[in-house]
Amino acid sequence: MSFWRALAIFSGLSVIMPLITDICLPAIPDIARYYGVETGRIQQTFSFLFFGAAFGQIIYGPLADRFGRKPVIVITMLIFTIISFVTVYTATPNSHSFARFLQGATGAGGLIIVRAIIRDLYDGALAIKCSHIQWWGVA
């Protein structure tokens, strides 16, 4: 796999968590209105998202070591996609919070496994450059 192709894949996977956070921030008042709760209650769903991400990072590292990087990342991204659709259509704030937890838990697969893949494929300056571009978006 070429460096640039790998970089594109790694960047796409690593941007998932910031994306699901930043997309929902401006919509907090609308989501609160939809559920008929205060905005603080919807802001709490971000805590569930981050707890899920922390939980997922603990789980996916050993799973990727045991079963391989590709199967684990493909399964987590499929489940992440399904959970993201479920999150949009939840009926209550509690179910929305639970769906956000699952979204964070599955989205963390991209964060943790990309780091492992970079360590597997590259070493030295190239690994640093790949990690630098992945996290900061600059060369």
N, C-alpha and C. Protein backbone atom coordinates (compact mmCIF):
# COMPACT_ATOMS: atom_id res chain seq x y z
N MET A 1 0.85 -1.17 0.00
CA MET A 1 0.00 0.00 0.00
C MET A 1 0.90 1.24 0.00
N SER A 2 0.57 2.18 -0.87
CA SER A 2 1.38 3.40 -0.95
C SER A 2 1.15 4.26 0.29
N PHE A 3 2.11 5.10 0.56
CA PHE A 3 2.02 6.00 1.70
C PHE A 3 0.80 6.90 1.60
N TRP A 4 0.53 7.45 0.44
CA TRP A 4 -0.57 8.41 0.29
C TRP A 4 -1.93 7.73 0.40
N ARG A 5 -2.03 6.51 -0.10
CA ARG A 5 -3.29 5.77 0.05
C ARG A 5 -3.53 5.43 1.52
N ALA A 6 -2.47 4.98 2.17
CA ALA A 6 -2.58 4.67 3.60
C ALA A 6 -2.95 5.93 4.39
N LEU A 7 -2.32 7.03 4.03
CA LEU A 7 -2.60 8.29 4.72
C LEU A 7 -4.06 8.69 4.57
N ALA A 8 -4.61 8.53 3.38
CA ALA A 8 -6.02 8.86 3.15
C ALA A 8 -6.94 7.99 4.01
N ILE A 9 -6.64 6.71 4.06
CA ILE A 9 -7.45 5.79 4.88
C ILE A 9 -7.32 6.14 6.35
N PHE A 10 -6.08 6.34 6.81
CA PHE A 10 -5.86 6.65 8.22
C PHE A 10 -6.53 7.95 8.62
N SER A 11 -6.45 8.94 7.76
CA SER A 11 -7.07 10.23 8.06
C SER A 11 -8.58 10.10 8.15
N GLY A 12 -9.16 9.35 7.24
CA GLY A 12 -10.60 9.15 7.27
C GLY A 12 -11.07 8.45 8.53
N LEU A 13 -10.31 7.45 8.97
CA LEU A 13 -10.69 6.72 10.17
C LEU A 13 -10.46 7.53 11.44
N SER A 14 -9.42 8.31 11.45
CA SER A 14 -9.11 9.06 12.67
C SER A 14 -9.97 10.30 12.85
N VAL A 15 -10.64 10.74 11.82
CA VAL A 15 -11.46 11.94 11.92
C VAL A 15 -12.88 11.63 12.41
N ILE A 16 -13.22 10.38 12.55
CA ILE A 16 -14.59 10.00 12.92
C ILE A 16 -15.00 10.58 14.26
N MET A 17 -14.20 10.41 15.29
CA MET A 17 -14.59 10.89 16.61
C MET A 17 -14.73 12.42 16.65
N PRO A 18 -13.75 13.18 16.14
CA PRO A 18 -13.97 14.64 16.13
C PRO A 18 -15.19 15.05 15.29
N LEU A 19 -15.44 14.31 14.23
CA LEU A 19 -16.56 14.64 13.35
C LEU A 19 -17.90 14.44 14.06
N ILE A 20 -18.08 13.31 14.75
CA ILE A 20 -19.37 13.09 15.41
C ILE A 20 -19.56 14.03 16.59
N THR A 21 -18.49 14.55 17.12
CA THR A 21 -18.61 15.54 18.17
C THR A 21 -18.97 16.90 17.59
N ASP A 22 -18.21 17.34 16.61
CA ASP A 22 -18.38 18.69 16.06
C ASP A 22 -19.66 18.87 15.26
N ILE A 23 -20.14 17.82 14.63
CA ILE A 23 -21.38 17.93 13.87
C ILE A 23 -22.57 18.18 14.79
N CYS A 24 -22.56 17.57 15.96
CA CYS A 24 -23.71 17.68 16.86
C CYS A 24 -23.71 18.93 17.73
N LEU A 25 -22.57 19.56 17.92
CA LEU A 25 -22.52 20.72 18.80
C LEU A 25 -23.50 21.83 18.41
N PRO A 26 -23.54 22.26 17.15
CA PRO A 26 -24.49 23.33 16.81
C PRO A 26 -25.96 22.88 16.90
N ALA A 27 -26.19 21.59 16.89
CA ALA A 27 -27.57 21.08 16.89
C ALA A 27 -28.12 20.84 18.29
N ILE A 28 -27.33 21.11 19.33
CA ILE A 28 -27.79 20.82 20.70
C ILE A 28 -29.13 21.48 21.01
N PRO A 29 -29.33 22.76 20.73
CA PRO A 29 -30.65 23.35 21.04
C PRO A 29 -31.80 22.68 20.28
N ASP A 30 -31.56 22.32 19.03
CA ASP A 30 -32.61 21.65 18.26
C ASP A 30 -32.90 20.25 18.79
N ILE A 31 -31.87 19.53 19.17
CA ILE A 31 -32.07 18.19 19.74
C ILE A 31 -32.82 18.30 21.06
N ALA A 32 -32.47 19.27 21.88
CA ALA A 32 -33.17 19.48 23.15
C ALA A 32 -34.65 19.79 22.92
N ARG A 33 -34.92 20.63 21.94
CA ARG A 33 -36.31 20.95 21.61
C ARG A 33 -37.06 19.71 21.14
N TYR A 34 -36.39 18.89 20.34
CA TYR A 34 -37.02 17.66 19.82
C TYR A 34 -37.44 16.74 20.96
N TYR A 35 -36.57 16.59 21.96
CA TYR A 35 -36.89 15.72 23.09
C TYR A 35 -37.66 16.43 24.20
N GLY A 36 -37.78 17.74 24.11
CA GLY A 36 -38.50 18.49 25.14
C GLY A 36 -37.76 18.56 26.46
N VAL A 37 -36.44 18.66 26.40
CA VAL A 37 -35.60 18.75 27.60
C VAL A 37 -34.71 19.98 27.50
N GLU A 38 -34.02 20.26 28.59
CA GLU A 38 -33.09 21.39 28.59
C GLU A 38 -31.82 21.01 27.82
N THR A 39 -31.13 22.03 27.34
CA THR A 39 -29.91 21.76 26.55
C THR A 39 -28.85 21.04 27.38
N GLY A 40 -28.84 21.27 28.69
CA GLY A 40 -27.87 20.59 29.55
C GLY A 40 -28.01 19.07 29.50
N ARG A 41 -29.23 18.62 29.35
CA ARG A 41 -29.47 17.16 29.27
C ARG A 41 -28.87 16.60 27.98
N ILE A 42 -28.94 17.32 26.91
CA ILE A 42 -28.36 16.86 25.64
C ILE A 42 -26.84 17.00 25.69
N GLN A 43 -26.34 18.01 26.37
CA GLN A 43 -24.89 18.14 26.53
C GLN A 43 -24.31 16.94 27.26
N GLN A 44 -25.09 16.33 28.13
CA GLN A 44 -24.63 15.14 28.85
C GLN A 44 -24.39 13.96 27.90
N THR A 45 -25.06 13.96 26.77
CA THR A 45 -24.85 12.85 25.83
C THR A 45 -23.42 12.84 25.30
N PHE A 46 -22.76 13.99 25.33
CA PHE A 46 -21.35 14.02 24.93
C PHE A 46 -20.48 13.29 25.93
N SER A 47 -20.86 13.34 27.20
CA SER A 47 -20.14 12.55 28.20
C SER A 47 -20.28 11.07 27.91
N PHE A 48 -21.48 10.65 27.54
CA PHE A 48 -21.68 9.25 27.18
C PHE A 48 -20.85 8.87 25.96
N LEU A 49 -20.77 9.77 25.00
CA LEU A 49 -19.96 9.54 23.81
C LEU A 49 -18.50 9.33 24.19
N PHE A 50 -17.98 10.18 25.06
CA PHE A 50 -16.57 10.07 25.45
C PHE A 50 -16.31 8.86 26.34
N PHE A 51 -17.26 8.51 27.21
CA PHE A 51 -17.12 7.28 27.99
C PHE A 51 -17.09 6.07 27.08
N GLY A 52 -17.94 6.08 26.08
CA GLY A 52 -17.94 4.99 25.10
C GLY A 52 -16.63 4.91 24.35
N ALA A 53 -16.08 6.05 23.98
CA ALA A 53 -14.80 6.07 23.28
C ALA A 53 -13.68 5.53 24.17
N ALA A 54 -13.69 5.89 25.44
CA ALA A 54 -12.68 5.37 26.36
C ALA A 54 -12.81 3.86 26.51
N PHE A 55 -14.04 3.39 26.64
CA PHE A 55 -14.29 1.95 26.75
C PHE A 55 -13.84 1.23 25.48
N GLY A 56 -14.18 1.78 24.33
CA GLY A 56 -13.81 1.16 23.06
C GLY A 56 -12.32 1.06 22.86
N GLN A 57 -11.57 2.07 23.28
CA GLN A 57 -10.13 2.03 23.12
C GLN A 57 -9.50 0.92 23.94
N ILE A 58 -10.07 0.64 25.08
CA ILE A 58 -9.56 -0.46 25.91
C ILE A 58 -9.84 -1.80 25.25
N ILE A 59 -10.98 -1.93 24.61
CA ILE A 59 -11.42 -3.20 24.02
C ILE A 59 -10.74 -3.50 22.68
N TYR A 60 -10.66 -2.50 21.80
CA TYR A 60 -10.26 -2.77 20.41
C TYR A 60 -8.78 -3.06 20.22
N GLY A 61 -7.93 -2.54 21.08
CA GLY A 61 -6.51 -2.86 20.96
C GLY A 61 -6.24 -4.36 21.06
N PRO A 62 -6.69 -5.00 22.15
CA PRO A 62 -6.49 -6.45 22.26
C PRO A 62 -7.24 -7.24 21.19
N LEU A 63 -8.44 -6.79 20.82
CA LEU A 63 -9.17 -7.50 19.75
C LEU A 63 -8.42 -7.44 18.43
N ALA A 64 -7.86 -6.28 18.11
CA ALA A 64 -7.10 -6.14 16.87
C ALA A 64 -5.82 -6.96 16.90
N ASP A 65 -5.22 -7.09 18.07
CA ASP A 65 -4.03 -7.94 18.19
C ASP A 65 -4.39 -9.41 18.02
N ARG A 66 -5.54 -9.79 18.51
CA ARG A 66 -5.94 -11.21 18.47
C ARG A 66 -6.49 -11.62 17.10
N PHE A 67 -7.37 -10.80 16.52
CA PHE A 67 -8.07 -11.18 15.30
C PHE A 67 -7.57 -10.47 14.04
N GLY A 68 -6.69 -9.53 14.20
CA GLY A 68 -6.17 -8.79 13.06
C GLY A 68 -6.81 -7.42 12.97
N ARG A 69 -6.09 -6.51 12.35
CA ARG A 69 -6.55 -5.12 12.28
C ARG A 69 -7.77 -4.96 11.36
N LYS A 70 -7.68 -5.56 10.19
CA LYS A 70 -8.73 -5.34 9.19
C LYS A 70 -10.11 -5.85 9.63
N PRO A 71 -10.23 -7.10 10.11
CA PRO A 71 -11.58 -7.55 10.50
C PRO A 71 -12.20 -6.70 11.61
N VAL A 72 -11.37 -6.33 12.57
CA VAL A 72 -11.91 -5.54 13.69
C VAL A 72 -12.35 -4.16 13.22
N ILE A 73 -11.54 -3.53 12.38
CA ILE A 73 -11.92 -2.18 11.94
C ILE A 73 -13.12 -2.21 11.00
N VAL A 74 -13.22 -3.21 10.16
CA VAL A 74 -14.38 -3.31 9.26
C VAL A 74 -15.65 -3.53 10.07
N ILE A 75 -15.61 -4.43 11.03
CA ILE A 75 -16.79 -4.70 11.85
C ILE A 75 -17.17 -3.48 12.68
N THR A 76 -16.19 -2.82 13.29
CA THR A 76 -16.53 -1.65 14.10
C THR A 76 -17.09 -0.52 13.25
N MET A 77 -16.58 -0.34 12.06
CA MET A 77 -17.10 0.75 11.22
C MET A 77 -18.50 0.42 10.69
N LEU A 78 -18.78 -0.85 10.43
CA LEU A 78 -20.15 -1.23 10.04
C LEU A 78 -21.13 -0.98 11.19
N ILE A 79 -20.74 -1.42 12.37
CA ILE A 79 -21.61 -1.20 13.54
C ILE A 79 -21.74 0.29 13.83
N PHE A 80 -20.63 1.03 13.70
CA PHE A 80 -20.67 2.48 13.90
C PHE A 80 -21.69 3.14 12.97
N THR A 81 -21.70 2.72 11.72
CA THR A 81 -22.64 3.29 10.75
C THR A 81 -24.08 3.01 11.15
N ILE A 82 -24.35 1.79 11.56
CA ILE A 82 -25.71 1.43 11.99
C ILE A 82 -26.10 2.21 13.23
N ILE A 83 -25.21 2.26 14.21
CA ILE A 83 -25.50 2.99 15.45
C ILE A 83 -25.71 4.48 15.18
N SER A 84 -24.99 5.03 14.23
CA SER A 84 -25.17 6.45 13.90
C SER A 84 -26.57 6.72 13.38
N PHE A 85 -27.10 5.82 12.57
CA PHE A 85 -28.48 5.97 12.10
C PHE A 85 -29.47 5.78 13.25
N VAL A 86 -29.19 4.84 14.13
CA VAL A 86 -30.06 4.62 15.28
C VAL A 86 -30.09 5.86 16.17
N THR A 87 -28.93 6.49 16.34
CA THR A 87 -28.83 7.67 17.19
C THR A 87 -29.77 8.78 16.71
N VAL A 88 -29.90 8.91 15.42
CA VAL A 88 -30.77 9.96 14.87
C VAL A 88 -32.23 9.69 15.19
N TYR A 89 -32.62 8.43 15.25
CA TYR A 89 -34.03 8.08 15.39
C TYR A 89 -34.42 7.58 16.77
N THR A 90 -33.63 7.86 17.80
CA THR A 90 -34.00 7.43 19.14
C THR A 90 -35.22 8.20 19.63
N ALA A 91 -36.01 7.55 20.48
CA ALA A 91 -37.28 8.13 20.90
C ALA A 91 -37.19 8.94 22.19
N THR A 92 -36.22 8.65 23.03
CA THR A 92 -36.11 9.33 24.32
C THR A 92 -34.69 9.84 24.53
N PRO A 93 -34.52 10.79 25.44
CA PRO A 93 -33.16 11.25 25.74
C PRO A 93 -32.27 10.14 26.30
N ASN A 94 -32.85 9.23 27.08
CA ASN A 94 -32.06 8.12 27.62
C ASN A 94 -31.58 7.18 26.53
N SER A 95 -32.46 6.87 25.59
CA SER A 95 -32.02 6.01 24.48
C SER A 95 -31.01 6.74 23.59
N HIS A 96 -31.14 8.05 23.48
CA HIS A 96 -30.17 8.84 22.73
C HIS A 96 -28.80 8.78 23.42
N SER A 97 -28.79 8.88 24.74
CA SER A 97 -27.54 8.80 25.49
C SER A 97 -26.89 7.43 25.31
N PHE A 98 -27.69 6.38 25.37
CA PHE A 98 -27.15 5.03 25.19
C PHE A 98 -26.61 4.85 23.77
N ALA A 99 -27.33 5.37 22.80
CA ALA A 99 -26.86 5.28 21.42
C ALA A 99 -25.57 6.06 21.23
N ARG A 100 -25.44 7.21 21.89
CA ARG A 100 -24.19 7.97 21.80
C ARG A 100 -23.04 7.21 22.45
N PHE A 101 -23.32 6.51 23.55
CA PHE A 101 -22.29 5.67 24.17
C PHE A 101 -21.81 4.61 23.18
N LEU A 102 -22.74 3.93 22.54
CA LEU A 102 -22.37 2.91 21.55
C LEU A 102 -21.66 3.53 20.35
N GLN A 103 -22.08 4.71 19.96
CA GLN A 103 -21.43 5.40 18.85
C GLN A 103 -19.98 5.70 19.21
N GLY A 104 -19.74 6.17 20.41
CA GLY A 104 -18.37 6.43 20.85
C GLY A 104 -17.55 5.16 20.96
N ALA A 105 -18.18 4.10 21.48
CA ALA A 105 -17.47 2.83 21.64
C ALA A 105 -17.06 2.24 20.30
N THR A 106 -17.90 2.35 19.30
CA THR A 106 -17.54 1.80 17.99
C THR A 106 -16.65 2.76 17.21
N GLY A 107 -16.85 4.05 17.35
CA GLY A 107 -16.01 5.03 16.67
C GLY A 107 -14.57 5.01 17.15
N ALA A 108 -14.36 4.57 18.38
CA ALA A 108 -13.01 4.49 18.94
C ALA A 108 -12.15 3.48 18.19
N GLY A 109 -12.79 2.55 17.50
CA GLY A 109 -12.02 1.57 16.72
C GLY A 109 -11.12 2.25 15.71
N GLY A 110 -11.63 3.30 15.09
CA GLY A 110 -10.82 4.04 14.13
C GLY A 110 -9.62 4.70 14.78
N LEU A 111 -9.83 5.27 15.95
CA LEU A 111 -8.73 5.95 16.63
C LEU A 111 -7.61 5.00 17.03
N ILE A 112 -7.97 3.93 17.68
CA ILE A 112 -6.95 3.06 18.27
C ILE A 112 -6.29 2.16 17.24
N ILE A 113 -7.05 1.65 16.30
CA ILE A 113 -6.47 0.71 15.33
C ILE A 113 -5.59 1.43 14.32
N VAL A 114 -5.92 2.67 13.99
CA VAL A 114 -5.07 3.44 13.07
C VAL A 114 -3.68 3.61 13.67
N ARG A 115 -3.61 3.88 14.94
CA ARG A 115 -2.30 4.00 15.59
C ARG A 115 -1.52 2.71 15.50
N ALA A 116 -2.19 1.60 15.72
CA ALA A 116 -1.51 0.30 15.64
C ALA A 116 -1.04 0.00 14.21
N ILE A 117 -1.86 0.35 13.23
CA ILE A 117 -1.48 0.10 11.83
C ILE A 117 -0.27 0.95 11.45
N ILE A 118 -0.25 2.18 11.90
CA ILE A 118 0.91 3.04 11.61
C ILE A 118 2.17 2.43 12.20
N ARG A 119 2.07 1.94 13.43
CA ARG A 119 3.24 1.28 14.04
C ARG A 119 3.63 0.03 13.30
N ASP A 120 2.64 -0.69 12.74
CA ASP A 120 2.94 -1.91 11.99
C ASP A 120 3.62 -1.61 10.66
N LEU A 121 3.16 -0.59 9.95
CA LEU A 121 3.63 -0.34 8.59
C LEU A 121 4.87 0.53 8.50
N TYR A 122 5.00 1.48 9.39
CA TYR A 122 6.05 2.48 9.24
C TYR A 122 6.86 2.57 10.52
N ASP A 123 8.10 3.01 10.34
CA ASP A 123 8.93 3.29 11.50
C ASP A 123 9.72 4.56 11.25
N GLY A 124 10.27 5.09 12.29
CA GLY A 124 11.11 6.27 12.17
C GLY A 124 10.35 7.50 11.72
N ALA A 125 11.00 8.26 10.84
CA ALA A 125 10.48 9.56 10.41
C ALA A 125 9.16 9.44 9.66
N LEU A 126 9.00 8.37 8.88
CA LEU A 126 7.77 8.21 8.12
C LEU A 126 6.57 7.98 9.04
N ALA A 127 6.77 7.21 10.10
CA ALA A 127 5.68 7.00 11.06
C ALA A 127 5.33 8.30 11.77
N ILE A 128 6.34 9.09 12.09
CA ILE A 128 6.09 10.37 12.74
C ILE A 128 5.34 11.30 11.80
N LYS A 129 5.76 11.33 10.54
CA LYS A 129 5.08 12.18 9.56
C LYS A 129 3.63 11.76 9.38
N CYS A 130 3.40 10.46 9.29
CA CYS A 130 2.04 9.94 9.11
C CYS A 130 1.19 10.28 10.33
N SER A 131 1.72 10.11 11.52
CA SER A 131 0.98 10.44 12.74
C SER A 131 0.73 11.93 12.83
N HIS A 132 1.71 12.72 12.44
CA HIS A 132 1.58 14.17 12.49
C HIS A 132 0.47 14.65 11.55
N ILE A 133 0.45 14.13 10.35
CA ILE A 133 -0.59 14.51 9.39
C ILE A 133 -1.94 14.01 9.87
N GLN A 134 -1.96 12.81 10.41
CA GLN A 134 -3.21 12.23 10.86
C GLN A 134 -3.85 13.11 11.94
N TRP A 135 -3.09 13.57 12.91
CA TRP A 135 -3.67 14.27 14.04
C TRP A 135 -3.79 15.77 13.83
N TRP A 136 -2.94 16.37 13.03
CA TRP A 136 -2.96 17.81 12.92
C TRP A 136 -3.37 18.29 11.53
N GLY A 137 -3.42 17.40 10.57
CA GLY A 137 -3.87 17.77 9.24
C GLY A 137 -2.88 18.62 8.46
N VAL A 138 -1.61 18.57 8.86
CA VAL A 138 -0.57 19.33 8.16
C VAL A 138 0.60 18.42 7.83
N ALA A 139 1.36 18.80 6.84
CA ALA A 139 2.52 18.02 6.47
C ALA A 139 3.76 18.51 7.18
